[in-house]
Amino acid sequence: MIHLQNMENQAISDEGYTRLLLERLEHISADSVLAHKASGVRGALIRCLEAKDIAQSDGFASLLEHGFSILEAAAKERSK
């Protein structure tokens, strides 16, 4: 299970964390070379959300890591 806190030091659930990532991935520009990868990760994360226990879904943690790697790369691409 992933434990994060928001600005008000409130725990963010796995589902809330995943939804936050989904929202950010959705806003990657379609002109970006990363848009296709982001779409694939979004689809896989949505399937995890549909599972009863997302933290137990196969590859959940690696999907989150990959999603945030894409976000980081997109931010670097945009700042150029």
PDB file of N, CA and C in Angstrom:
ATOM      1  N   MET A   1       0.840  -1.175   0.000  1.00  0.00           N
ATOM      2  CA  MET A   1       0.000   0.000   0.000  1.00  0.00           C
ATOM      3  C   MET A   1       0.888   1.242   0.000  1.00  0.00           C
ATOM      4  N   ILE A   2       0.489   2.226  -0.731  1.00  0.00           N
ATOM      5  CA  ILE A   2       1.229   3.471  -0.826  1.00  0.00           C
ATOM      6  C   ILE A   2       0.654   4.450   0.183  1.00  0.00           C
ATOM      7  N   HIS A   3       1.534   5.104   0.929  1.00  0.00           N
ATOM      8  CA  HIS A   3       1.086   6.071   1.916  1.00  0.00           C
ATOM      9  C   HIS A   3       1.625   7.445   1.553  1.00  0.00           C
ATOM     10  N   LEU A   4       0.738   8.329   1.166  1.00  0.00           N
ATOM     11  CA  LEU A   4       1.088   9.712   0.855  1.00  0.00           C
ATOM     12  C   LEU A   4       0.169  10.621   1.642  1.00  0.00           C
ATOM     13  N   GLN A   5       0.588  11.866   1.760  1.00  0.00           N
ATOM     14  CA  GLN A   5      -0.256  12.837   2.424  1.00  0.00           C
ATOM     15  C   GLN A   5      -0.397  14.051   1.527  1.00  0.00           C
ATOM     16  N   ASN A   6      -1.561  14.664   1.573  1.00  0.00           N
ATOM     17  CA  ASN A   6      -1.758  15.879   0.803  1.00  0.00           C
ATOM     18  C   ASN A   6      -1.264  17.071   1.606  1.00  0.00           C
ATOM     19  N   MET A   7      -1.484  18.274   1.105  1.00  0.00           N
ATOM     20  CA  MET A   7      -0.962  19.484   1.740  1.00  0.00           C
ATOM     21  C   MET A   7      -1.491  19.676   3.168  1.00  0.00           C
ATOM     22  N   GLU A   8      -2.660  19.136   3.467  1.00  0.00           N
ATOM     23  CA  GLU A   8      -3.239  19.272   4.798  1.00  0.00           C
ATOM     24  C   GLU A   8      -2.890  18.079   5.684  1.00  0.00           C
ATOM     25  N   ASN A   9      -1.878  17.293   5.295  1.00  0.00           N
ATOM     26  CA  ASN A   9      -1.420  16.117   6.043  1.00  0.00           C
ATOM     27  C   ASN A   9      -2.500  15.061   6.223  1.00  0.00           C
ATOM     28  N   GLN A  10      -3.395  14.961   5.267  1.00  0.00           N
ATOM     29  CA  GLN A  10      -4.411  13.924   5.296  1.00  0.00           C
ATOM     30  C   GLN A  10      -3.930  12.769   4.417  1.00  0.00           C
ATOM     31  N   ALA A  11      -4.153  11.568   4.878  1.00  0.00           N
ATOM     32  CA  ALA A  11      -3.720  10.404   4.111  1.00  0.00           C
ATOM     33  C   ALA A  11      -4.499  10.326   2.803  1.00  0.00           C
ATOM     34  N   ILE A  12      -3.804   9.978   1.749  1.00  0.00           N
ATOM     35  CA  ILE A  12      -4.431   9.793   0.448  1.00  0.00           C
ATOM     36  C   ILE A  12      -4.524   8.284   0.205  1.00  0.00           C
ATOM     37  N   SER A  13      -5.708   7.807  -0.111  1.00  0.00           N
ATOM     38  CA  SER A  13      -5.906   6.381  -0.336  1.00  0.00           C
ATOM     39  C   SER A  13      -5.295   5.957  -1.669  1.00  0.00           C
ATOM     40  N   ASP A  14      -5.092   4.657  -1.834  1.00  0.00           N
ATOM     41  CA  ASP A  14      -4.599   4.139  -3.106  1.00  0.00           C
ATOM     42  C   ASP A  14      -5.503   4.565  -4.247  1.00  0.00           C
ATOM     43  N   GLU A  15      -6.804   4.515  -4.015  1.00  0.00           N
ATOM     44  CA  GLU A  15      -7.744   4.896  -5.064  1.00  0.00           C
ATOM     45  C   GLU A  15      -7.637   6.386  -5.379  1.00  0.00           C
ATOM     46  N   GLY A  16      -7.542   7.203  -4.364  1.00  0.00           N
ATOM     47  CA  GLY A  16      -7.413   8.642  -4.580  1.00  0.00           C
ATOM     48  C   GLY A  16      -6.112   8.982  -5.288  1.00  0.00           C
ATOM     49  N   TYR A  17      -5.053   8.318  -4.896  1.00  0.00           N
ATOM     50  CA  TYR A  17      -3.740   8.507  -5.512  1.00  0.00           C
ATOM     51  C   TYR A  17      -3.782   8.120  -6.981  1.00  0.00           C
ATOM     52  N   THR A  18      -4.433   7.011  -7.268  1.00  0.00           N
ATOM     53  CA  THR A  18      -4.546   6.534  -8.651  1.00  0.00           C
ATOM     54  C   THR A  18      -5.387   7.495  -9.482  1.00  0.00           C
ATOM     55  N   ARG A  19      -6.474   7.974  -8.934  1.00  0.00           N
ATOM     56  CA  ARG A  19      -7.324   8.928  -9.662  1.00  0.00           C
ATOM     57  C   ARG A  19      -6.581  10.233  -9.947  1.00  0.00           C
ATOM     58  N   LEU A  20      -5.752  10.667  -9.016  1.00  0.00           N
ATOM     59  CA  LEU A  20      -4.935  11.863  -9.224  1.00  0.00           C
ATOM     60  C   LEU A  20      -3.982  11.649 -10.397  1.00  0.00           C
ATOM     61  N   LEU A  21      -3.327  10.507 -10.429  1.00  0.00           N
ATOM     62  CA  LEU A  21      -2.419  10.187 -11.521  1.00  0.00           C
ATOM     63  C   LEU A  21      -3.172  10.102 -12.846  1.00  0.00           C
ATOM     64  N   LEU A  22      -4.338   9.476 -12.845  1.00  0.00           N
ATOM     65  CA  LEU A  22      -5.140   9.370 -14.067  1.00  0.00           C
ATOM     66  C   LEU A  22      -5.480  10.742 -14.627  1.00  0.00           C
ATOM     67  N   GLU A  23      -5.854  11.641 -13.737  1.00  0.00           N
ATOM     68  CA  GLU A  23      -6.209  12.995 -14.172  1.00  0.00           C
ATOM     69  C   GLU A  23      -5.008  13.691 -14.809  1.00  0.00           C
ATOM     70  N   ARG A  24      -3.855  13.548 -14.195  1.00  0.00           N
ATOM     71  CA  ARG A  24      -2.651  14.199 -14.727  1.00  0.00           C
ATOM     72  C   ARG A  24      -2.234  13.598 -16.071  1.00  0.00           C
ATOM     73  N   LEU A  25      -2.319  12.280 -16.184  1.00  0.00           N
ATOM     74  CA  LEU A  25      -1.947  11.621 -17.438  1.00  0.00           C
ATOM     75  C   LEU A  25      -2.891  12.023 -18.568  1.00  0.00           C
ATOM     76  N   GLU A  26      -4.145  12.235 -18.233  1.00  0.00           N
ATOM     77  CA  GLU A  26      -5.141  12.615 -19.243  1.00  0.00           C
ATOM     78  C   GLU A  26      -4.825  13.979 -19.854  1.00  0.00           C
ATOM     79  N   HIS A  27      -4.156  14.836 -19.101  1.00  0.00           N
ATOM     80  CA  HIS A  27      -3.893  16.187 -19.567  1.00  0.00           C
ATOM     81  C   HIS A  27      -2.570  16.345 -20.314  1.00  0.00           C
ATOM     82  N   ILE A  28      -1.881  15.248 -20.581  1.00  0.00           N
ATOM     83  CA  ILE A  28      -0.676  15.336 -21.403  1.00  0.00           C
ATOM     84  C   ILE A  28      -1.118  15.663 -22.827  1.00  0.00           C
ATOM     85  N   SER A  29      -0.475  16.633 -23.409  1.00  0.00           N
ATOM     86  CA  SER A  29      -0.846  17.106 -24.740  1.00  0.00           C
ATOM     87  C   SER A  29      -0.827  15.980 -25.766  1.00  0.00           C
ATOM     88  N   ALA A  30      -1.824  15.971 -26.626  1.00  0.00           N
ATOM     89  CA  ALA A  30      -1.883  14.972 -27.698  1.00  0.00           C
ATOM     90  C   ALA A  30      -0.721  15.135 -28.663  1.00  0.00           C
ATOM     91  N   ASP A  31      -0.113  16.312 -28.689  1.00  0.00           N
ATOM     92  CA  ASP A  31       1.040  16.557 -29.548  1.00  0.00           C
ATOM     93  C   ASP A  31       2.321  15.949 -28.993  1.00  0.00           C
ATOM     94  N   SER A  32       2.287  15.553 -27.736  1.00  0.00           N
ATOM     95  CA  SER A  32       3.461  14.976 -27.090  1.00  0.00           C
ATOM     96  C   SER A  32       3.692  13.548 -27.575  1.00  0.00           C
ATOM     97  N   VAL A  33       4.953  13.182 -27.719  1.00  0.00           N
ATOM     98  CA  VAL A  33       5.277  11.802 -28.090  1.00  0.00           C
ATOM     99  C   VAL A  33       4.920  10.842 -26.951  1.00  0.00           C
ATOM    100  N   LEU A  34       4.671  11.371 -25.774  1.00  0.00           N
ATOM    101  CA  LEU A  34       4.352  10.545 -24.606  1.00  0.00           C
ATOM    102  C   LEU A  34       2.860  10.257 -24.469  1.00  0.00           C
ATOM    103  N   ALA A  35       2.036  10.894 -25.288  1.00  0.00           N
ATOM    104  CA  ALA A  35       0.586  10.750 -25.163  1.00  0.00           C
ATOM    105  C   ALA A  35       0.134   9.303 -25.341  1.00  0.00           C
ATOM    106  N   HIS A  36       0.723   8.594 -26.274  1.00  0.00           N
ATOM    107  CA  HIS A  36       0.332   7.200 -26.520  1.00  0.00           C
ATOM    108  C   HIS A  36       0.680   6.321 -25.319  1.00  0.00           C
ATOM    109  N   LYS A  37       1.869   6.510 -24.764  1.00  0.00           N
ATOM    110  CA  LYS A  37       2.266   5.744 -23.574  1.00  0.00           C
ATOM    111  C   LYS A  37       1.354   6.073 -22.404  1.00  0.00           C
ATOM    112  N   ALA A  38       1.044   7.357 -22.226  1.00  0.00           N
ATOM    113  CA  ALA A  38       0.172   7.777 -21.134  1.00  0.00           C
ATOM    114  C   ALA A  38      -1.201   7.126 -21.263  1.00  0.00           C
ATOM    115  N   SER A  39      -1.688   7.029 -22.480  1.00  0.00           N
ATOM    116  CA  SER A  39      -2.989   6.413 -22.718  1.00  0.00           C
ATOM    117  C   SER A  39      -2.987   4.942 -22.300  1.00  0.00           C
ATOM    118  N   GLY A  40      -1.928   4.238 -22.615  1.00  0.00           N
ATOM    119  CA  GLY A  40      -1.825   2.829 -22.235  1.00  0.00           C
ATOM    120  C   GLY A  40      -1.772   2.632 -20.729  1.00  0.00           C
ATOM    121  N   VAL A  41      -1.000   3.468 -20.060  1.00  0.00           N
ATOM    122  CA  VAL A  41      -0.900   3.378 -18.603  1.00  0.00           C
ATOM    123  C   VAL A  41      -2.241   3.743 -17.966  1.00  0.00           C
ATOM    124  N   ARG A  42      -2.905   4.758 -18.506  1.00  0.00           N
ATOM    125  CA  ARG A  42      -4.227   5.136 -17.997  1.00  0.00           C
ATOM    126  C   ARG A  42      -5.202   3.966 -18.095  1.00  0.00           C
ATOM    127  N   GLY A  43      -5.206   3.292 -19.228  1.00  0.00           N
ATOM    128  CA  GLY A  43      -6.108   2.154 -19.398  1.00  0.00           C
ATOM    129  C   GLY A  43      -5.843   1.060 -18.382  1.00  0.00           C
ATOM    130  N   ALA A  44      -4.577   0.763 -18.164  1.00  0.00           N
ATOM    131  CA  ALA A  44      -4.220  -0.280 -17.193  1.00  0.00           C
ATOM    132  C   ALA A  44      -4.595   0.137 -15.771  1.00  0.00           C
ATOM    133  N   LEU A  45      -4.391   1.400 -15.440  1.00  0.00           N
ATOM    134  CA  LEU A  45      -4.753   1.878 -14.106  1.00  0.00           C
ATOM    135  C   LEU A  45      -6.265   1.875 -13.900  1.00  0.00           C
ATOM    136  N   ILE A  46      -7.005   2.198 -14.944  1.00  0.00           N
ATOM    137  CA  ILE A  46      -8.471   2.142 -14.841  1.00  0.00           C
ATOM    138  C   ILE A  46      -8.918   0.710 -14.573  1.00  0.00           C
ATOM    139  N   ARG A  47      -8.293  -0.247 -15.230  1.00  0.00           N
ATOM    140  CA  ARG A  47      -8.635  -1.653 -14.968  1.00  0.00           C
ATOM    141  C   ARG A  47      -8.310  -2.022 -13.519  1.00  0.00           C
ATOM    142  N   CYS A  48      -7.217  -1.499 -12.985  1.00  0.00           N
ATOM    143  CA  CYS A  48      -6.880  -1.744 -11.576  1.00  0.00           C
ATOM    144  C   CYS A  48      -7.937  -1.146 -10.654  1.00  0.00           C
ATOM    145  N   LEU A  49      -8.419   0.047 -10.988  1.00  0.00           N
ATOM    146  CA  LEU A  49      -9.456   0.670 -10.169  1.00  0.00           C
ATOM    147  C   LEU A  49     -10.730  -0.164 -10.156  1.00  0.00           C
ATOM    148  N   GLU A  50     -10.999  -0.808 -11.264  1.00  0.00           N
ATOM    149  CA  GLU A  50     -12.202  -1.634 -11.347  1.00  0.00           C
ATOM    150  C   GLU A  50     -12.077  -2.921 -10.543  1.00  0.00           C
ATOM    151  N   ALA A  51     -10.840  -3.296 -10.208  1.00  0.00           N
ATOM    152  CA  ALA A  51     -10.620  -4.481  -9.374  1.00  0.00           C
ATOM    153  C   ALA A  51     -11.049  -4.147  -7.944  1.00  0.00           C
ATOM    154  N   LYS A  52     -11.354  -5.156  -7.182  1.00  0.00           N
ATOM    155  CA  LYS A  52     -11.831  -4.923  -5.820  1.00  0.00           C
ATOM    156  C   LYS A  52     -10.755  -4.334  -4.922  1.00  0.00           C
ATOM    157  N   ASP A  53      -9.542  -4.814  -5.021  1.00  0.00           N
ATOM    158  CA  ASP A  53      -8.451  -4.335  -4.176  1.00  0.00           C
ATOM    159  C   ASP A  53      -7.310  -3.901  -5.076  1.00  0.00           C
ATOM    160  N   ILE A  54      -7.249  -2.616  -5.395  1.00  0.00           N
ATOM    161  CA  ILE A  54      -6.298  -2.147  -6.389  1.00  0.00           C
ATOM    162  C   ILE A  54      -4.855  -2.383  -5.983  1.00  0.00           C
ATOM    163  N   ALA A  55      -4.559  -2.321  -4.707  1.00  0.00           N
ATOM    164  CA  ALA A  55      -3.181  -2.530  -4.261  1.00  0.00           C
ATOM    165  C   ALA A  55      -2.727  -3.962  -4.528  1.00  0.00           C
ATOM    166  N   GLN A  56      -3.677  -4.887  -4.629  1.00  0.00           N
ATOM    167  CA  GLN A  56      -3.340  -6.289  -4.882  1.00  0.00           C
ATOM    168  C   GLN A  56      -3.343  -6.629  -6.366  1.00  0.00           C
ATOM    169  N   SER A  57      -3.742  -5.691  -7.211  1.00  0.00           N
ATOM    170  CA  SER A  57      -3.760  -5.931  -8.650  1.00  0.00           C
ATOM    171  C   SER A  57      -2.338  -6.157  -9.148  1.00  0.00           C
ATOM    172  N   ASP A  58      -2.200  -7.052 -10.093  1.00  0.00           N
ATOM    173  CA  ASP A  58      -0.882  -7.364 -10.643  1.00  0.00           C
ATOM    174  C   ASP A  58      -0.252  -6.125 -11.255  1.00  0.00           C
ATOM    175  N   GLY A  59       0.936  -5.795 -10.806  1.00  0.00           N
ATOM    176  CA  GLY A  59       1.689  -4.703 -11.398  1.00  0.00           C
ATOM    177  C   GLY A  59       1.240  -3.311 -11.002  1.00  0.00           C
ATOM    178  N   PHE A  60       0.400  -3.189  -9.982  1.00  0.00           N
ATOM    179  CA  PHE A  60      -0.122  -1.885  -9.598  1.00  0.00           C
ATOM    180  C   PHE A  60       0.993  -0.891  -9.283  1.00  0.00           C
ATOM    181  N   ALA A  61       1.931  -1.287  -8.449  1.00  0.00           N
ATOM    182  CA  ALA A  61       3.017  -0.375  -8.053  1.00  0.00           C
ATOM    183  C   ALA A  61       3.876   0.023  -9.253  1.00  0.00           C
ATOM    184  N   SER A  62       4.150  -0.931 -10.130  1.00  0.00           N
ATOM    185  CA  SER A  62       4.975  -0.598 -11.300  1.00  0.00           C
ATOM    186  C   SER A  62       4.217   0.308 -12.267  1.00  0.00           C
ATOM    187  N   LEU A  63       2.898   0.163 -12.345  1.00  0.00           N
ATOM    188  CA  LEU A  63       2.097   1.060 -13.175  1.00  0.00           C
ATOM    189  C   LEU A  63       2.153   2.490 -12.639  1.00  0.00           C
ATOM    190  N   LEU A  64       2.069   2.625 -11.326  1.00  0.00           N
ATOM    191  CA  LEU A  64       2.163   3.950 -10.729  1.00  0.00           C
ATOM    192  C   LEU A  64       3.531   4.578 -11.011  1.00  0.00           C
ATOM    193  N   GLU A  65       4.571   3.804 -10.840  1.00  0.00           N
ATOM    194  CA  GLU A  65       5.917   4.308 -11.115  1.00  0.00           C
ATOM    195  C   GLU A  65       6.060   4.730 -12.572  1.00  0.00           C
ATOM    196  N   HIS A  66       5.573   3.894 -13.469  1.00  0.00           N
ATOM    197  CA  HIS A  66       5.659   4.205 -14.899  1.00  0.00           C
ATOM    198  C   HIS A  66       4.838   5.455 -15.230  1.00  0.00           C
ATOM    199  N   GLY A  67       3.674   5.568 -14.641  1.00  0.00           N
ATOM    200  CA  GLY A  67       2.835   6.742 -14.865  1.00  0.00           C
ATOM    201  C   GLY A  67       3.522   8.022 -14.426  1.00  0.00           C
ATOM    202  N   PHE A  68       4.152   7.984 -13.265  1.00  0.00           N
ATOM    203  CA  PHE A  68       4.844   9.180 -12.799  1.00  0.00           C
ATOM    204  C   PHE A  68       6.109   9.457 -13.603  1.00  0.00           C
ATOM    205  N   SER A  69       6.734   8.428 -14.134  1.00  0.00           N
ATOM    206  CA  SER A  69       7.883   8.636 -15.027  1.00  0.00           C
ATOM    207  C   SER A  69       7.440   9.361 -16.296  1.00  0.00           C
ATOM    208  N   ILE A  70       6.286   8.977 -16.808  1.00  0.00           N
ATOM    209  CA  ILE A  70       5.740   9.636 -17.997  1.00  0.00           C
ATOM    210  C   ILE A  70       5.426  11.099 -17.688  1.00  0.00           C
ATOM    211  N   LEU A  71       4.828  11.352 -16.527  1.00  0.00           N
ATOM    212  CA  LEU A  71       4.527  12.734 -16.142  1.00  0.00           C
ATOM    213  C   LEU A  71       5.791  13.572 -16.030  1.00  0.00           C
ATOM    214  N   GLU A  72       6.811  12.997 -15.448  1.00  0.00           N
ATOM    215  CA  GLU A  72       8.084  13.711 -15.301  1.00  0.00           C
ATOM    216  C   GLU A  72       8.686  14.032 -16.664  1.00  0.00           C
ATOM    217  N   ALA A  73       8.669  13.048 -17.564  1.00  0.00           N
ATOM    218  CA  ALA A  73       9.211  13.254 -18.898  1.00  0.00           C
ATOM    219  C   ALA A  73       8.395  14.309 -19.663  1.00  0.00           C
ATOM    220  N   ALA A  74       7.071  14.282 -19.489  1.00  0.00           N
ATOM    221  CA  ALA A  74       6.208  15.256 -20.164  1.00  0.00           C
ATOM    222  C   ALA A  74       6.480  16.670 -19.638  1.00  0.00           C
ATOM    223  N   ALA A  75       6.726  16.788 -18.348  1.00  0.00           N
ATOM    224  CA  ALA A  75       7.040  18.109 -17.770  1.00  0.00           C
ATOM    225  C   ALA A  75       8.365  18.629 -18.310  1.00  0.00           C
ATOM    226  N   LYS A  76       9.344  17.746 -18.432  1.00  0.00           N
ATOM    227  CA  LYS A  76      10.641  18.152 -18.992  1.00  0.00           C
ATOM    228  C   LYS A  76      10.490  18.545 -20.448  1.00  0.00           C
ATOM    229  N   GLU A  77       9.694  17.780 -21.186  1.00  0.00           N
ATOM    230  CA  GLU A  77       9.453  18.063 -22.604  1.00  0.00           C
ATOM    231  C   GLU A  77       8.779  19.429 -22.774  1.00  0.00           C
ATOM    232  N   ARG A  78       7.849  19.698 -21.898  1.00  0.00           N
ATOM    233  CA  ARG A  78       7.100  20.964 -22.001  1.00  0.00           C
ATOM    234  C   ARG A  78       7.952  22.176 -21.630  1.00  0.00           C
ATOM    235  N   SER A  79       8.900  21.977 -20.722  1.00  0.00           N
ATOM    236  CA  SER A  79       9.713  23.106 -20.271  1.00  0.00           C
ATOM    237  C   SER A  79      10.843  23.462 -21.231  1.00  0.00           C
ATOM    238  N   LYS A  80      11.026  22.662 -22.280  1.00  0.00           N
ATOM    239  CA  LYS A  80      12.085  22.947 -23.256  1.00  0.00           C
ATOM    240  C   LYS A  80      11.736  24.110 -24.132  1.00  0.00           C
TER     241      LYS A  80
END
